Structure formats: C-alpha cells, structure tokens
C-alpha cells in the first residue's frame, strides 16, 4: 500500500515538453479531505528544486484553503465590518468606507488577495493622484486626490493587509514596499487681528457672537464646541470643561462621544469678557442644557452647521476665505505671538505634547524669534 504523502512533501519530474515540474501537497480540504496539490515549473531540475523548496516553506506559513477564498474587494469589506468599523470613530469609519468603495475596489478589487503586489498598489496611488477626485472640479483644481488623502488610503490598506498577514492569508504586506506621497506643506491661514472686529460684528448680527468669540479665545474643535453644556461652564473659576465631542456621520446623525485622546479631556480658562457674553447667551434659553442650541431644533448644532455658519459670516464681511478650523490656528498663533508659553497653548488645544504644538505653529513663533534676536543684539551691544 502506497504511503500517504505528508503535508509539505514534494516530488520532481521531467515533463514531455522538456520542462521540469515540482509537485507538492499544500494541505487538505477540510470538507472533502482531498489533498490540495500545487506545482512549480522550471527549465532545469535545479531551478525547480529551489522553487519547490520555497513553495513548500511558504505553504507552511499560509492557510492554503482560506487564502484562495478572497479577492481584494471581499477581504476589504470583511475587514472593514469585522475589525475596523467597531473600533474607530464614526467619521473615520465613513472615511474608510468611502475610500474602500469609491477609490480602491473599482481599481484593484477584482485581484485575488494572495496575488496582490506592491506594483498593483503603487499604480493605484498614481491613478488616485492623477484622476481620483469623484466630483468634477473647477479648471483651477487638479482632478487627482491630494497627497494627504492618498497617504490616508495607504494607511487604511496597510492595516487591512496586516490583518490578512496575521490570519495567514498572505505571506507579507505588499504596502510595505510602496512609496507613498510626501505631505504637501500648505500655508496655514488665520483670521488676522485687524479683521477680527469685522468678523465678530458679523457674527453678532447673526446672533451667534458668544459661540464664535469663545472659539477665538479657546481654539477648541468644532465637535467640542457643539457638545458644550451649561454644566461645563464654571463661572466662578472662569473655565470650561471639555470632556466630550459631537460627531456627525454621512447621514447627518450626531452622536456624543469621548474625545479621541485623553489629552483632549481638559479644562480651558477663559477671559471675563467671554463669561459675560456666555451669561447673556444663557438668558436667551435658560432651560436648555446645551450652551449653543440650534434655533431650529433646540438641540445641539450639527458640527458641520457651525462650519457653514462660519462660511456665511465670511460672506457677509467679504473677508479672505479661511476654514472654520483656521480659527483654532488663529487662537494658537495669537497666543504664541502675545507671549503665552508653548506648554500652556498646547494644553489648551489638547495636543499630546508641546513639541507637536511648536512644530505645527513654527510660523507663528517667527515674530517672537525676531524679537528675541533683537533683544539679544541689544544685550550683546551692552556687553561689548
């Protein structure tokens, strides 16, 4: 009786076409019990022997049955639902879902997961940079995605394929050999001091002065601003407590969650002028728990609605366009240029360390550096 070949054993023979063939047992089908046989081909016996040895070693590291199951599309959808979506914020989940369904699957989704190469992914990145934008853009705007967006897609793919390696579906992560686009450094915009009065007067005309004044003196994120309750305000000690954020999804549903990092849970001191404005605001709706409820619903604003209000205020004034997030940059820049130390600014912004704050706002400290240089020059003149 012939001996049953063990998993991973192989044999070599010369075929009728002159080529050499190595055959090996890669595993057994768990349902039928039948042997799964694979082969390698080569021009010489030595070449096939080398290929066969490598293939046998690889087969020991892979779950052969399951590794044949998935296309890239099937694996990404499974990974998203099982591993990603339950463990990330709704906004991040929306971003992953859009990237998977709109950018990745239409381009490489039909490729077998085990056959996906670094070159396939590199071509994906190139196409996204050149033609990735979903909506028709103005002639002045490039049809491709930004480098930062492509980098985000790379990180998502890297995580998904890392999981595939852990589950023995592929031997190694093909994203590791890819060259990802460099971050394009953009000039940071702020609301200039000479424009602040005009901006706040326009906010006052729209009945939202306290909200935008508070933003300019604290730099908190729009989700944090939206989620503020009157109970978060300490009038006597003059600070607001930031311990939650409002997060909107693509269906315009809003949920309250804890901030992304523990550093974002913080107390921010505010000036007396902000306290007075907030007290006036409280008189408008004393029974409503939200600090800034939407006049339409009485509930909290959707975070995107605050950004749209900001756009309307800019339109009212004719000022240079800046994003709502740039009001946060405005606070940081003005604080640093007016002598507030970087550690204090970092803690108010909820950054993880002062080094990150300093790196982000290096441009803001340039004026301070010039002042320091002038002072040092005056000092050295006295010494000399």
Protein backbone atom coordinates (compact mmCIF):
# COMPACT_ATOMS: atom_id res chain seq x y z
CA UNK A 1 0.00 0.00 0.00
CA UNK A 2 1.38 3.42 -1.02
CA UNK A 3 2.32 5.68 1.84
CA UNK A 4 0.17 8.84 2.13
CA UNK A 5 2.35 11.85 1.35
CA UNK A 6 2.73 14.16 4.33
CA UNK A 7 1.67 17.79 4.14
CA UNK A 8 4.51 19.75 2.53
CA UNK A 9 6.30 16.84 0.82
CA UNK A 10 7.12 17.20 -2.88
CA UNK A 11 8.34 15.36 -5.96
CA UNK A 12 10.13 16.42 -9.15
CA UNK A 13 9.73 15.03 -12.67
CA UNK A 14 10.61 15.97 -16.23
CA UNK A 15 7.60 16.70 -18.44
CA UNK A 16 7.11 15.69 -22.05
CA UNK A 17 7.56 19.31 -23.15
CA UNK A 18 11.09 19.30 -21.76
CA UNK A 19 10.39 21.43 -18.70
CA UNK A 20 10.79 20.24 -15.13
CA UNK A 21 7.84 20.18 -12.72
CA UNK A 22 7.76 20.04 -8.97
CA UNK A 23 4.55 18.97 -7.25
CA UNK A 24 3.80 19.22 -3.57
CA UNK A 25 0.98 18.79 -1.07
CA UNK A 26 -0.06 22.19 0.21
CA UNK A 27 -2.75 20.90 2.56
CA UNK A 28 -6.06 19.08 2.71
CA UNK A 29 -9.57 20.39 2.08
CA UNK A 30 -11.32 20.40 5.49
CA UNK A 31 -14.68 19.48 3.94
CA UNK A 32 -13.72 16.73 1.49
CA UNK A 33 -10.42 15.58 2.98
CA UNK A 34 -8.89 15.64 -0.51
CA UNK A 35 -5.29 16.63 -0.92
CA UNK A 36 -4.59 20.13 -2.28
CA UNK A 37 -1.77 19.77 -4.79
CA UNK A 38 0.25 22.66 -6.18
CA UNK A 39 3.07 22.74 -8.71
CA UNK A 40 6.04 24.82 -9.85
CA UNK A 41 7.77 24.78 -13.24
CA UNK A 42 11.30 25.50 -14.46
CA UNK A 43 13.77 24.93 -17.25
CA UNK A 44 16.20 22.90 -15.14
CA UNK A 45 15.92 20.40 -12.32
CA UNK A 46 18.00 22.67 -10.06
CA UNK A 47 15.70 25.62 -10.73
CA UNK A 48 12.61 23.60 -9.90
CA UNK A 49 14.23 22.14 -6.79
CA UNK A 50 14.85 25.68 -5.49
CA UNK A 51 11.32 26.83 -6.37
CA UNK A 52 9.79 23.72 -4.81
CA UNK A 53 11.66 24.21 -1.54
CA UNK A 54 10.50 27.83 -1.35
CA UNK A 55 6.88 26.95 -2.21
CA UNK A 56 6.76 24.23 0.46
CA UNK A 57 8.06 26.65 3.11
CA UNK A 58 5.51 29.26 2.09
CA UNK A 59 2.67 26.73 2.18
CA UNK A 60 3.51 26.00 5.82
CA UNK A 61 3.04 29.69 6.65
CA UNK A 62 -0.27 30.11 4.78
CA UNK A 63 -3.76 28.90 5.42
CA UNK A 64 -3.94 27.50 1.88
CA UNK A 65 -7.68 26.82 1.84
CA UNK A 66 -8.69 30.28 3.09
CA UNK A 67 -6.02 32.19 1.16
CA UNK A 68 -7.72 31.16 -2.08
CA UNK A 69 -11.11 32.48 -0.94
CA UNK A 70 -10.75 36.24 -1.14
CA UNK A 71 -10.45 38.91 -3.74
CA UNK A 72 -9.17 42.29 -2.55
CA UNK A 73 -12.76 43.59 -2.53
CA UNK A 74 -14.06 40.68 -0.45
CA UNK A 75 -11.28 40.95 2.09
CA UNK A 76 -11.52 44.75 2.49
CA UNK A 77 -15.27 44.57 3.07
CA UNK A 78 -14.86 41.79 5.63
CA UNK A 79 -12.01 43.59 7.37
CA UNK A 80 -13.99 46.85 7.48
CA UNK A 81 -17.10 45.28 9.05
CA UNK A 82 -15.32 42.90 11.43
CA UNK A 83 -12.15 44.71 12.51
CA UNK A 84 -12.26 48.39 11.58
CA UNK A 85 -15.79 49.75 11.96
CA UNK A 86 -16.42 48.52 15.55
CA UNK A 87 -13.19 50.10 16.80
CA UNK A 88 -12.99 53.54 15.19
CA UNK A 89 -14.93 56.80 15.34
CA UNK A 90 -17.96 57.19 13.02
CA UNK A 91 -16.22 59.89 10.98
CA UNK A 92 -13.18 57.66 10.46
CA UNK A 93 -15.47 54.74 9.58
CA UNK A 94 -17.21 56.90 6.96
CA UNK A 95 -13.84 57.84 5.51
CA UNK A 96 -12.71 54.18 5.34
CA UNK A 97 -15.99 53.12 3.74
CA UNK A 98 -15.75 55.83 1.09
CA UNK A 99 -12.13 55.04 0.31
CA UNK A 100 -12.79 51.30 0.03
CA UNK A 101 -15.92 51.51 -2.11
CA UNK A 102 -15.11 54.56 -4.24
CA UNK A 103 -11.35 54.52 -4.65
CA UNK A 104 -9.85 51.09 -4.02
CA UNK A 105 -12.38 48.45 -5.10
CA UNK A 106 -13.13 50.00 -8.54
CA UNK A 107 -9.39 49.83 -9.34
CA UNK A 108 -7.97 46.69 -7.71
CA UNK A 109 -10.99 44.97 -6.14
CA UNK A 110 -11.09 42.02 -8.55
CA UNK A 111 -7.47 40.98 -7.93
CA UNK A 112 -7.06 37.84 -5.84
CA UNK A 113 -5.82 38.86 -2.40
CA UNK A 114 -2.88 36.45 -2.48
CA UNK A 115 -1.80 37.80 -5.89
CA UNK A 116 -1.91 41.48 -4.93
CA UNK A 117 1.52 43.05 -5.45
CA UNK A 118 3.26 46.26 -4.43
CA UNK A 119 3.19 47.30 -8.06
CA UNK A 120 -0.62 46.96 -8.16
CA UNK A 121 -0.87 49.24 -5.13
CA UNK A 122 1.70 51.70 -6.47
CA UNK A 123 -0.33 52.01 -9.69
CA UNK A 124 -3.42 52.60 -7.55
CA UNK A 125 -1.73 55.51 -5.76
CA UNK A 126 -0.56 57.02 -9.04
CA UNK A 127 -4.05 56.83 -10.55
CA UNK A 128 -5.63 58.35 -7.45
CA UNK A 129 -3.16 61.24 -7.54
CA UNK A 130 -3.93 61.88 -11.21
CA UNK A 131 -7.66 61.04 -11.53
CA UNK A 132 -9.04 60.19 -8.09
CA UNK A 133 -11.40 63.08 -7.46
CA UNK A 134 -15.01 61.83 -7.56
CA UNK A 135 -16.70 65.13 -8.36
CA UNK A 136 -15.93 67.30 -11.34
CA UNK A 137 -13.63 70.01 -10.13
CA UNK A 138 -13.12 73.57 -11.37
CA UNK A 139 -10.46 74.00 -14.04
CA UNK A 140 -8.18 75.55 -11.46
CA UNK A 141 -8.38 72.42 -9.31
CA UNK A 142 -6.49 69.24 -10.10
CA UNK A 143 -8.59 66.13 -10.90
CA UNK A 144 -6.50 63.99 -8.57
CA UNK A 145 -6.62 63.43 -4.83
CA UNK A 146 -4.27 65.29 -2.52
CA UNK A 147 -1.14 63.61 -1.23
CA UNK A 148 -2.53 63.57 2.31
CA UNK A 149 -5.69 61.78 1.13
CA UNK A 150 -3.66 59.14 -0.72
CA UNK A 151 -1.50 58.69 2.40
CA UNK A 152 -4.68 58.08 4.39
CA UNK A 153 -5.75 55.39 1.89
CA UNK A 154 -2.28 53.85 2.19
CA UNK A 155 -2.59 53.61 5.99
CA UNK A 156 -6.04 52.04 5.69
CA UNK A 157 -4.75 49.44 3.19
CA UNK A 158 -1.69 48.79 5.34
CA UNK A 159 -3.88 47.98 8.35
CA UNK A 160 -6.23 45.76 6.33
CA UNK A 161 -3.37 43.78 4.76
CA UNK A 162 -1.54 43.49 8.08
CA UNK A 163 -4.63 41.69 9.35
CA UNK A 164 -4.51 39.40 6.33
CA UNK A 165 -0.89 38.50 7.20
CA UNK A 166 -1.90 37.71 10.80
CA UNK A 167 -4.64 35.40 9.52
CA UNK A 168 -2.15 33.63 7.21
CA UNK A 169 -3.99 34.70 4.07
CA UNK A 170 -0.89 36.34 2.57
CA UNK A 171 2.80 35.95 3.40
CA UNK A 172 3.70 39.62 3.71
CA UNK A 173 2.11 43.03 3.43
CA UNK A 174 2.65 44.44 -0.10
CA UNK A 175 2.12 48.03 1.07
CA UNK A 176 5.46 47.87 2.89
CA UNK A 177 7.34 48.15 -0.39
CA UNK A 178 5.30 51.08 -1.72
CA UNK A 179 6.49 54.66 -1.95
CA UNK A 180 3.82 56.92 -0.50
CA UNK A 181 3.37 60.59 -1.50
CA UNK A 182 5.07 63.21 0.60
CA UNK A 183 2.92 65.54 2.66
CA UNK A 184 2.37 68.81 0.85
CA UNK A 185 3.03 71.60 3.30
CA UNK A 186 0.31 74.19 2.95
CA UNK A 187 0.50 77.72 4.20
CA UNK A 188 -1.58 78.00 7.33
CA UNK A 189 -4.25 80.69 7.22
CA UNK A 190 -5.55 82.68 10.16
CA UNK A 191 -8.05 85.42 10.84
CA UNK A 192 -5.81 88.47 11.11
CA UNK A 193 -6.16 90.76 14.15
CA UNK A 194 -7.28 93.71 12.02
CA UNK A 195 -10.18 91.58 10.68
CA UNK A 196 -11.41 90.17 13.99
CA UNK A 197 -13.69 93.08 14.85
CA UNK A 198 -15.39 92.90 11.44
CA UNK A 199 -15.77 89.13 11.78
CA UNK A 200 -17.26 89.26 15.29
CA UNK A 201 -19.63 92.09 14.36
CA UNK A 202 -20.98 89.93 11.53
CA UNK A 203 -21.33 87.02 13.97
CA UNK A 204 -23.25 89.31 16.32
CA UNK A 205 -25.67 90.29 13.54
CA UNK A 206 -26.42 86.61 13.02
CA UNK A 207 -26.99 86.14 16.76
CA UNK A 208 -24.01 83.84 17.32
CA UNK A 209 -21.39 86.19 18.79
CA UNK A 210 -20.79 84.22 22.05
CA UNK A 211 -20.12 81.00 20.13
CA UNK A 212 -17.53 82.45 17.78
CA UNK A 213 -15.97 84.68 20.44
CA UNK A 214 -15.47 81.59 22.60
CA UNK A 215 -13.90 79.80 19.64
CA UNK A 216 -11.37 82.60 19.11
CA UNK A 217 -10.32 82.71 22.77
CA UNK A 218 -10.04 78.93 23.24
CA UNK A 219 -9.36 77.31 19.86
CA UNK A 220 -11.49 74.28 20.69
CA UNK A 221 -12.56 71.90 17.93
CA UNK A 222 -15.99 72.32 16.35
CA UNK A 223 -17.22 68.99 17.74
CA UNK A 224 -16.13 70.04 21.22
CA UNK A 225 -17.79 73.44 20.83
CA UNK A 226 -21.01 71.83 19.65
CA UNK A 227 -21.16 69.44 22.62
CA UNK A 228 -20.75 72.06 25.37
CA UNK A 229 -23.40 72.12 28.09
CA UNK A 230 -24.04 74.91 30.58
CA UNK A 231 -22.85 72.49 33.25
CA UNK A 232 -19.42 72.56 31.57
CA UNK A 233 -19.01 76.24 32.48
CA UNK A 234 -17.53 77.27 35.83
CA UNK A 235 -18.33 80.98 36.09
CA UNK A 236 -16.53 81.48 39.40
CA UNK A 237 -13.26 79.81 38.37
CA UNK A 238 -13.69 81.04 34.77
CA UNK A 239 -13.10 77.90 32.77
CA UNK A 240 -14.96 75.44 30.56
CA UNK A 241 -14.59 71.66 30.84
CA UNK A 242 -14.06 69.77 27.59
CA UNK A 243 -14.88 66.11 28.11
CA UNK A 244 -16.96 65.15 25.06
CA UNK A 245 -17.41 65.85 21.38
CA UNK A 246 -20.22 65.73 18.85
CA UNK A 247 -19.50 63.53 15.85
CA UNK A 248 -21.60 63.64 12.70
CA UNK A 249 -21.79 60.81 10.15
CA UNK A 250 -22.55 60.87 6.42
CA UNK A 251 -26.30 60.61 7.15
CA UNK A 252 -26.14 63.76 9.32
CA UNK A 253 -26.74 61.79 12.50
CA UNK A 254 -24.91 63.19 15.54
CA UNK A 255 -23.55 61.17 18.44
CA UNK A 256 -21.78 62.30 21.60
CA UNK A 257 -18.52 60.54 22.38
CA UNK A 258 -15.41 60.99 24.46
CA UNK A 259 -12.65 62.96 22.70
CA UNK A 260 -10.22 60.99 20.57
CA UNK A 261 -7.31 61.24 23.04
CA UNK A 262 -7.04 61.67 26.78
CA UNK A 263 -5.11 64.91 26.22
CA UNK A 264 -8.27 66.34 24.67
CA UNK A 265 -10.09 65.99 28.00
CA UNK A 266 -9.16 69.28 29.61
CA UNK A 267 -10.19 72.49 31.38
CA UNK A 268 -9.69 75.71 29.44
CA UNK A 269 -9.52 79.07 31.22
CA UNK A 270 -11.50 81.83 29.52
CA UNK A 271 -11.42 85.63 29.95
CA UNK A 272 -14.01 87.65 31.85
CA UNK A 273 -15.31 89.06 28.57
CA UNK A 274 -16.23 85.54 27.43
CA UNK A 275 -18.01 84.87 30.73
CA UNK A 276 -20.14 87.99 30.25
CA UNK A 277 -21.11 87.01 26.70
CA UNK A 278 -21.99 83.48 27.82
CA UNK A 279 -24.14 84.84 30.65
CA UNK A 280 -26.06 86.92 28.09
CA UNK A 281 -26.45 83.83 25.93
CA UNK A 282 -27.78 81.81 28.88
CA UNK A 283 -30.58 84.35 29.39
CA UNK A 284 -31.87 83.59 25.87
CA UNK A 285 -32.54 79.90 26.64
CA UNK A 286 -32.06 79.29 30.40
CA UNK A 287 -33.94 75.97 30.40
CA UNK A 288 -31.94 74.43 27.56
CA UNK A 289 -28.94 72.37 28.72
CA UNK A 290 -26.93 73.00 25.54
CA UNK A 291 -24.67 76.03 25.58
CA UNK A 292 -25.32 76.73 21.91
CA UNK A 293 -28.56 75.05 20.80
CA UNK A 294 -29.73 75.26 17.20
CA UNK A 295 -32.53 77.86 16.90
CA UNK A 296 -34.38 75.48 14.56
CA UNK A 297 -34.50 72.36 16.72
CA UNK A 298 -33.50 73.45 20.22
CA UNK A 299 -30.99 70.60 20.19
CA UNK A 300 -27.26 70.89 19.66
CA UNK A 301 -25.89 72.14 16.36
CA UNK A 302 -24.58 69.63 13.89
CA UNK A 303 -20.78 70.26 13.79
CA UNK A 304 -20.96 70.92 10.04
CA UNK A 305 -23.69 73.52 10.62
CA UNK A 306 -21.28 75.59 12.69
CA UNK A 307 -18.77 75.45 9.84
CA UNK A 308 -21.49 76.62 7.44
CA UNK A 309 -22.34 79.49 9.79
CA UNK A 310 -18.69 80.48 9.67
CA UNK A 311 -18.83 80.48 5.85
CA UNK A 312 -21.88 82.77 5.94
CA UNK A 313 -20.14 85.18 8.30
CA UNK A 314 -17.17 85.40 5.95
CA UNK A 315 -19.51 86.00 3.02
CA UNK A 316 -21.23 88.79 4.97
CA UNK A 317 -17.90 90.52 5.55
CA UNK A 318 -16.09 89.85 2.28
CA UNK A 319 -13.01 88.76 4.23
CA UNK A 320 -10.47 86.31 2.80
CA UNK A 321 -11.75 82.75 2.93
CA UNK A 322 -10.45 80.58 5.76
CA UNK A 323 -11.79 77.31 7.14
CA UNK A 324 -13.55 77.11 10.49
CA UNK A 325 -10.59 75.04 11.70
CA UNK A 326 -8.38 78.02 10.91
CA UNK A 327 -10.00 79.83 13.85
CA UNK A 328 -8.23 77.25 16.01
CA UNK A 329 -4.98 78.16 14.25
CA UNK A 330 -5.81 81.82 14.85
CA UNK A 331 -6.09 81.27 18.61
CA UNK A 332 -2.78 79.38 18.75
CA UNK A 333 -0.96 81.91 16.60
CA UNK A 334 -2.20 84.94 18.54
CA UNK A 335 -1.47 83.28 21.89
CA UNK A 336 2.12 82.44 20.93
CA UNK A 337 2.78 85.84 19.39
CA UNK A 338 1.46 87.54 22.53
CA UNK A 339 3.88 85.68 24.77
CA UNK A 340 1.81 82.74 26.06
CA UNK A 341 4.26 79.88 26.61
CA UNK A 342 4.00 76.91 24.27
CA UNK A 343 3.16 74.37 27.01
CA UNK A 344 0.12 76.39 28.05
CA UNK A 345 -1.05 76.75 24.45
CA UNK A 346 -0.53 73.01 23.92
CA UNK A 347 -2.63 72.09 26.96
CA UNK A 348 -5.44 74.44 25.92
CA UNK A 349 -5.52 72.96 22.41
CA UNK A 350 -5.49 69.40 23.76
CA UNK A 351 -2.30 68.43 21.91
CA UNK A 352 -0.36 65.37 23.06
CA UNK A 353 2.80 67.39 23.73
CA UNK A 354 4.27 70.85 23.39
CA UNK A 355 6.69 69.67 20.70
CA UNK A 356 3.80 68.95 18.36
CA UNK A 357 2.35 72.41 19.04
CA UNK A 358 5.66 74.09 18.39
CA UNK A 359 6.19 72.12 15.16
CA UNK A 360 2.67 72.94 13.96
CA UNK A 361 2.96 76.65 14.70
CA UNK A 362 6.62 77.31 13.88
CA UNK A 363 5.46 80.04 11.51
CA UNK A 364 3.65 81.70 14.42
CA UNK A 365 6.78 81.95 16.53
CA UNK A 366 8.85 83.59 13.78
CA UNK A 367 7.89 87.05 15.02
CA UNK A 368 8.87 86.02 18.52
CA UNK A 369 12.22 84.74 17.23
CA UNK A 370 12.87 88.09 15.53
CA UNK A 371 12.04 89.92 18.74
CA UNK A 372 14.37 87.59 20.68
CA UNK A 373 17.15 88.19 18.15
CA UNK A 374 16.74 91.95 18.51
CA UNK A 375 16.83 91.71 22.30
CA UNK A 376 19.92 89.55 22.20
CA UNK A 377 21.56 92.00 19.80
CA UNK A 378 20.84 94.88 22.20
CA UNK A 379 22.19 92.83 25.10
CA UNK A 380 25.42 91.97 23.27
CA UNK A 381 25.93 95.63 22.33
CA UNK A 382 25.81 96.48 26.03
CA UNK A 383 28.27 93.69 26.82
CA UNK A 384 30.67 94.83 24.10
